[in-house]
Every structure is written in structure tokens, then in C-alpha cells.
PDB file of N, CA and C in Angstrom:
ATOM      1  N   UNK A   1     -11.625  65.357-118.457  1.00  0.00           N
ATOM      2  CA  UNK A   1     -10.789  64.096-118.615  1.00  0.00           C
ATOM      3  C   UNK A   1     -11.536  62.982-118.810  1.00  0.00           C
ATOM      4  N   UNK A   2     -10.745  61.819-120.201  1.00  0.00           N
ATOM      5  CA  UNK A   2     -11.322  60.963-119.971  1.00  0.00           C
ATOM      6  C   UNK A   2     -10.629  59.756-119.667  1.00  0.00           C
ATOM      7  N   UNK A   3     -10.822  58.709-119.543  1.00  0.00           N
ATOM      8  CA  UNK A   3      -9.746  57.251-118.975  1.00  0.00           C
ATOM      9  C   UNK A   3      -9.969  56.280-120.210  1.00  0.00           C
ATOM     10  N   UNK A   4     -10.845  56.535-121.532  1.00  0.00           N
ATOM     11  CA  UNK A   4     -11.233  55.745-122.658  1.00  0.00           C
ATOM     12  C   UNK A   4     -11.093  56.546-123.523  1.00  0.00           C
ATOM     13  N   UNK A   5      -9.165  57.056-123.525  1.00  0.00           N
ATOM     14  CA  UNK A   5      -9.528  57.595-125.297  1.00  0.00           C
ATOM     15  C   UNK A   5      -9.072  56.954-126.120  1.00  0.00           C
ATOM     16  N   UNK A   6      -9.654  57.255-127.328  1.00  0.00           N
ATOM     17  CA  UNK A   6      -9.594  56.753-128.440  1.00  0.00           C
ATOM     18  C   UNK A   6      -9.540  57.592-129.679  1.00  0.00           C
ATOM     19  N   UNK A   7      -8.843  56.851-130.413  1.00  0.00           N
ATOM     20  CA  UNK A   7      -8.453  58.090-131.855  1.00  0.00           C
ATOM     21  C   UNK A   7     -10.033  58.682-132.378  1.00  0.00           C
ATOM     22  N   UNK A   8      -9.791  60.336-132.301  1.00  0.00           N
ATOM     23  CA  UNK A   8     -11.448  60.367-132.627  1.00  0.00           C
ATOM     24  C   UNK A   8     -11.623  61.085-131.691  1.00  0.00           C
ATOM     25  N   UNK A   9     -11.634  60.581-130.210  1.00  0.00           N
ATOM     26  CA  UNK A   9     -12.697  61.504-129.335  1.00  0.00           C
ATOM     27  C   UNK A   9     -12.795  62.883-129.177  1.00  0.00           C
ATOM     28  N   UNK A  10     -11.375  63.175-129.140  1.00  0.00           N
ATOM     29  CA  UNK A  10     -10.886  64.907-128.998  1.00  0.00           C
ATOM     30  C   UNK A  10     -12.288  65.500-129.804  1.00  0.00           C
ATOM     31  N   UNK A  11     -12.222  65.228-131.189  1.00  0.00           N
ATOM     32  CA  UNK A  11     -12.924  65.723-132.330  1.00  0.00           C
ATOM     33  C   UNK A  11     -14.384  65.452-131.807  1.00  0.00           C
ATOM     34  N   UNK A  12     -14.728  64.729-131.254  1.00  0.00           N
ATOM     35  CA  UNK A  12     -16.323  64.370-130.575  1.00  0.00           C
ATOM     36  C   UNK A  12     -16.798  65.365-129.638  1.00  0.00           C
ATOM     37  N   UNK A  13     -15.443  65.173-128.566  1.00  0.00           N
ATOM     38  CA  UNK A  13     -15.554  65.731-127.378  1.00  0.00           C
ATOM     39  C   UNK A  13     -15.783  67.750-127.860  1.00  0.00           C
ATOM     40  N   UNK A  14     -14.702  68.413-129.067  1.00  0.00           N
ATOM     41  CA  UNK A  14     -14.883  69.210-129.284  1.00  0.00           C
ATOM     42  C   UNK A  14     -16.169  69.498-129.834  1.00  0.00           C
ATOM     43  N   UNK A  15     -16.893  68.875-130.732  1.00  0.00           N
ATOM     44  CA  UNK A  15     -17.796  68.763-131.811  1.00  0.00           C
ATOM     45  C   UNK A  15     -19.126  69.043-130.682  1.00  0.00           C
ATOM     46  N   UNK A  16     -19.110  68.465-129.706  1.00  0.00           N
ATOM     47  CA  UNK A  16     -20.221  68.324-128.153  1.00  0.00           C
ATOM     48  C   UNK A  16     -19.940  69.466-127.531  1.00  0.00           C
ATOM     49  N   UNK A  17     -19.428  70.448-128.253  1.00  0.00           N
ATOM     50  CA  UNK A  17     -19.185  71.671-127.271  1.00  0.00           C
ATOM     51  C   UNK A  17     -18.557  71.661-126.012  1.00  0.00           C
ATOM     52  N   UNK A  18     -17.480  70.855-125.914  1.00  0.00           N
ATOM     53  CA  UNK A  18     -16.677  71.026-124.828  1.00  0.00           C
ATOM     54  C   UNK A  18     -15.194  71.808-124.495  1.00  0.00           C
ATOM     55  N   UNK A  19     -14.811  72.545-124.028  1.00  0.00           N
ATOM     56  CA  UNK A  19     -14.311  73.669-123.828  1.00  0.00           C
ATOM     57  C   UNK A  19     -12.614  73.347-123.863  1.00  0.00           C
ATOM     58  N   UNK A  20     -12.370  71.476-124.218  1.00  0.00           N
ATOM     59  CA  UNK A  20     -10.788  71.740-124.375  1.00  0.00           C
ATOM     60  C   UNK A  20     -10.954  69.676-123.913  1.00  0.00           C
ATOM     61  N   UNK A  21     -10.267  68.998-123.745  1.00  0.00           N
ATOM     62  CA  UNK A  21      -9.856  67.441-123.822  1.00  0.00           C
ATOM     63  C   UNK A  21      -8.735  67.231-123.246  1.00  0.00           C
ATOM     64  N   UNK A  22      -8.565  66.041-122.330  1.00  0.00           N
ATOM     65  CA  UNK A  22      -7.410  65.547-122.123  1.00  0.00           C
ATOM     66  C   UNK A  22      -7.898  64.312-121.824  1.00  0.00           C
ATOM     67  N   UNK A  23      -7.048  63.467-122.151  1.00  0.00           N
ATOM     68  CA  UNK A  23      -6.795  62.328-122.326  1.00  0.00           C
ATOM     69  C   UNK A  23      -5.653  61.163-121.244  1.00  0.00           C
ATOM     70  N   UNK A  24      -6.008  60.060-120.686  1.00  0.00           N
ATOM     71  CA  UNK A  24      -4.921  59.607-120.102  1.00  0.00           C
ATOM     72  C   UNK A  24      -4.521  58.541-121.062  1.00  0.00           C
ATOM     73  N   UNK A  25      -3.194  58.141-120.885  1.00  0.00           N
ATOM     74  CA  UNK A  25      -2.058  58.418-119.208  1.00  0.00           C
ATOM     75  C   UNK A  25      -1.941  59.900-119.771  1.00  0.00           C
ATOM     76  N   UNK A  26      -1.691  60.980-118.638  1.00  0.00           N
ATOM     77  CA  UNK A  26      -1.512  62.462-119.082  1.00  0.00           C
ATOM     78  C   UNK A  26       0.065  62.716-118.159  1.00  0.00           C
ATOM     79  N   UNK A  27       0.814  63.567-118.887  1.00  0.00           N
ATOM     80  CA  UNK A  27       1.859  63.697-118.227  1.00  0.00           C
ATOM     81  C   UNK A  27       1.736  65.091-117.503  1.00  0.00           C
ATOM     82  N   UNK A  28       3.010  65.857-116.803  1.00  0.00           N
ATOM     83  CA  UNK A  28       2.915  66.919-116.361  1.00  0.00           C
ATOM     84  C   UNK A  28       2.680  67.988-117.365  1.00  0.00           C
ATOM     85  N   UNK A  29       3.750  68.060-118.670  1.00  0.00           N
ATOM     86  CA  UNK A  29       3.624  69.183-119.582  1.00  0.00           C
ATOM     87  C   UNK A  29       1.837  69.350-120.228  1.00  0.00           C
ATOM     88  N   UNK A  30       1.190  68.405-120.446  1.00  0.00           N
ATOM     89  CA  UNK A  30      -0.255  68.359-121.126  1.00  0.00           C
ATOM     90  C   UNK A  30      -1.104  69.023-119.950  1.00  0.00           C
ATOM     91  N   UNK A  31      -1.116  68.371-118.533  1.00  0.00           N
ATOM     92  CA  UNK A  31      -1.817  68.988-117.723  1.00  0.00           C
ATOM     93  C   UNK A  31      -0.991  70.482-118.046  1.00  0.00           C
ATOM     94  N   UNK A  32      -0.218  70.984-117.598  1.00  0.00           N
ATOM     95  CA  UNK A  32       0.406  72.368-117.545  1.00  0.00           C
ATOM     96  C   UNK A  32      -0.123  73.178-118.769  1.00  0.00           C
ATOM     97  N   UNK A  33      -0.468  72.742-120.280  1.00  0.00           N
ATOM     98  CA  UNK A  33      -1.553  73.183-120.930  1.00  0.00           C
ATOM     99  C   UNK A  33      -2.229  73.479-121.037  1.00  0.00           C
ATOM    100  N   UNK A  34      -3.190  72.090-120.366  1.00  0.00           N
ATOM    101  CA  UNK A  34      -4.537  72.399-120.388  1.00  0.00           C
ATOM    102  C   UNK A  34      -4.966  73.675-119.573  1.00  0.00           C
ATOM    103  N   UNK A  35      -4.418  73.219-118.358  1.00  0.00           N
ATOM    104  CA  UNK A  35      -4.508  74.383-117.370  1.00  0.00           C
ATOM    105  C   UNK A  35      -4.252  75.703-117.548  1.00  0.00           C
ATOM    106  N   UNK A  36      -3.223  76.352-118.481  1.00  0.00           N
ATOM    107  CA  UNK A  36      -2.887  77.441-118.997  1.00  0.00           C
ATOM    108  C   UNK A  36      -4.126  78.059-119.834  1.00  0.00           C
ATOM    109  N   UNK A  37      -4.434  76.711-121.039  1.00  0.00           N
ATOM    110  CA  UNK A  37      -5.777  77.230-121.305  1.00  0.00           C
ATOM    111  C   UNK A  37      -7.013  77.607-120.630  1.00  0.00           C
ATOM    112  N   UNK A  38      -7.281  76.637-119.680  1.00  0.00           N
ATOM    113  CA  UNK A  38      -8.525  77.160-118.861  1.00  0.00           C
ATOM    114  C   UNK A  38      -8.159  78.820-118.325  1.00  0.00           C
ATOM    115  N   UNK A  39      -7.286  78.796-117.857  1.00  0.00           N
ATOM    116  CA  UNK A  39      -7.113  80.109-116.859  1.00  0.00           C
ATOM    117  C   UNK A  39      -7.034  81.277-118.327  1.00  0.00           C
ATOM    118  N   UNK A  40      -6.414  80.958-119.598  1.00  0.00           N
ATOM    119  CA  UNK A  40      -6.396  82.048-120.096  1.00  0.00           C
ATOM    120  C   UNK A  40      -8.244  82.447-120.254  1.00  0.00           C
ATOM    121  N   UNK A  41      -8.812  81.357-120.481  1.00  0.00           N
ATOM    122  CA  UNK A  41     -10.339  81.592-121.064  1.00  0.00           C
ATOM    123  C   UNK A  41     -10.798  82.121-119.438  1.00  0.00           C
ATOM    124  N   UNK A  42     -10.602  81.907-118.759  1.00  0.00           N
ATOM    125  CA  UNK A  42     -11.189  82.435-117.357  1.00  0.00           C
ATOM    126  C   UNK A  42     -10.955  83.693-117.072  1.00  0.00           C
ATOM    127  N   UNK A  43      -9.425  84.622-117.363  1.00  0.00           N
ATOM    128  CA  UNK A  43      -9.003  85.826-117.661  1.00  0.00           C
ATOM    129  C   UNK A  43      -9.646  86.437-118.764  1.00  0.00           C
ATOM    130  N   UNK A  44      -9.961  85.907-119.547  1.00  0.00           N
ATOM    131  CA  UNK A  44     -11.033  86.884-120.636  1.00  0.00           C
ATOM    132  C   UNK A  44     -12.337  86.615-120.369  1.00  0.00           C
ATOM    133  N   UNK A  45     -12.753  85.470-119.770  1.00  0.00           N
ATOM    134  CA  UNK A  45     -14.441  86.089-118.807  1.00  0.00           C
ATOM    135  C   UNK A  45     -14.449  87.040-117.896  1.00  0.00           C
ATOM    136  N   UNK A  46     -13.522  87.046-117.321  1.00  0.00           N
ATOM    137  CA  UNK A  46     -13.229  88.422-116.322  1.00  0.00           C
ATOM    138  C   UNK A  46     -13.340  89.568-116.625  1.00  0.00           C
ATOM    139  N   UNK A  47     -12.175  89.692-117.702  1.00  0.00           N
ATOM    140  CA  UNK A  47     -12.133  91.281-118.210  1.00  0.00           C
ATOM    141  C   UNK A  47     -13.000  91.857-119.184  1.00  0.00           C
ATOM    142  N   UNK A  48     -13.744  90.464-119.621  1.00  0.00           N
ATOM    143  CA  UNK A  48     -14.969  90.964-120.664  1.00  0.00           C
ATOM    144  C   UNK A  48     -16.624  90.968-119.731  1.00  0.00           C
ATOM    145  N   UNK A  49     -16.783  90.429-118.727  1.00  0.00           N
ATOM    146  CA  UNK A  49     -17.561  89.878-118.354  1.00  0.00           C
ATOM    147  C   UNK A  49     -18.657  88.896-119.005  1.00  0.00           C
ATOM    148  N   UNK A  50     -18.122  87.924-119.255  1.00  0.00           N
ATOM    149  CA  UNK A  50     -18.994  86.566-119.939  1.00  0.00           C
ATOM    150  C   UNK A  50     -18.459  85.650-119.615  1.00  0.00           C
ATOM    151  N   UNK A  51     -19.172  84.111-119.929  1.00  0.00           N
ATOM    152  CA  UNK A  51     -19.152  83.373-120.049  1.00  0.00           C
ATOM    153  C   UNK A  51     -17.774  83.014-119.859  1.00  0.00           C
ATOM    154  N   UNK A  52     -16.518  82.094-119.881  1.00  0.00           N
ATOM    155  CA  UNK A  52     -15.713  81.561-119.757  1.00  0.00           C
ATOM    156  C   UNK A  52     -15.566  80.756-121.370  1.00  0.00           C
ATOM    157  N   UNK A  53     -16.658  80.271-121.649  1.00  0.00           N
ATOM    158  CA  UNK A  53     -16.761  79.816-123.307  1.00  0.00           C
ATOM    159  C   UNK A  53     -17.042  80.452-124.082  1.00  0.00           C
ATOM    160  N   UNK A  54     -17.749  81.750-123.872  1.00  0.00           N
ATOM    161  CA  UNK A  54     -17.809  82.132-124.861  1.00  0.00           C
ATOM    162  C   UNK A  54     -17.046  83.242-125.877  1.00  0.00           C
ATOM    163  N   UNK A  55     -16.960  83.529-126.917  1.00  0.00           N
ATOM    164  CA  UNK A  55     -15.947  84.071-127.902  1.00  0.00           C
ATOM    165  C   UNK A  55     -14.446  83.468-127.421  1.00  0.00           C
ATOM    166  N   UNK A  56     -14.658  82.560-127.175  1.00  0.00           N
ATOM    167  CA  UNK A  56     -12.534  81.878-126.613  1.00  0.00           C
ATOM    168  C   UNK A  56     -12.645  80.419-128.140  1.00  0.00           C
ATOM    169  N   UNK A  57     -11.916  81.153-128.936  1.00  0.00           N
ATOM    170  CA  UNK A  57     -11.556  80.139-130.006  1.00  0.00           C
ATOM    171  C   UNK A  57     -10.618  79.264-129.866  1.00  0.00           C
ATOM    172  N   UNK A  58     -11.070  77.557-129.652  1.00  0.00           N
ATOM    173  CA  UNK A  58     -10.204  76.597-130.131  1.00  0.00           C
ATOM    174  C   UNK A  58      -9.141  77.200-130.888  1.00  0.00           C
ATOM    175  N   UNK A  59      -8.041  76.303-130.110  1.00  0.00           N
ATOM    176  CA  UNK A  59      -6.598  76.694-130.716  1.00  0.00           C
ATOM    177  C   UNK A  59      -5.883  75.369-130.303  1.00  0.00           C
TER     178      UNK A  59
END
């Protein structure tokens, strides 16, 4: 999460291998979607015994 959200920051963060991005101000639906993506990565990692980031395609 970043409190200094500027246009283009999401792309910069993704290019630096961050697995997701959320900027402030943030509301319930955004938090829910971000946590859902994180849970999907974790579930996939548990299923395939890998890192939560390995083999996960950003959408």
C-alpha cells in the first residue's frame, strides 16, 4: 500500500516485481479485490508447493 499514489506508480511498482498495488484513498471494494487476489496466489502456492509469487500471472 502506498500513501503517495501518483499516476504511473502502479506500473512502476509492478515493473519492480511487486505482486500487487493499492493506493490511498482506498475503499472496501478495492481492499476486498486486493485481498482476494492475494488469497488466490496463496492458495495456488499451497496447492503446488511453490512461492506465492512464482507462476502467478498479473491480471
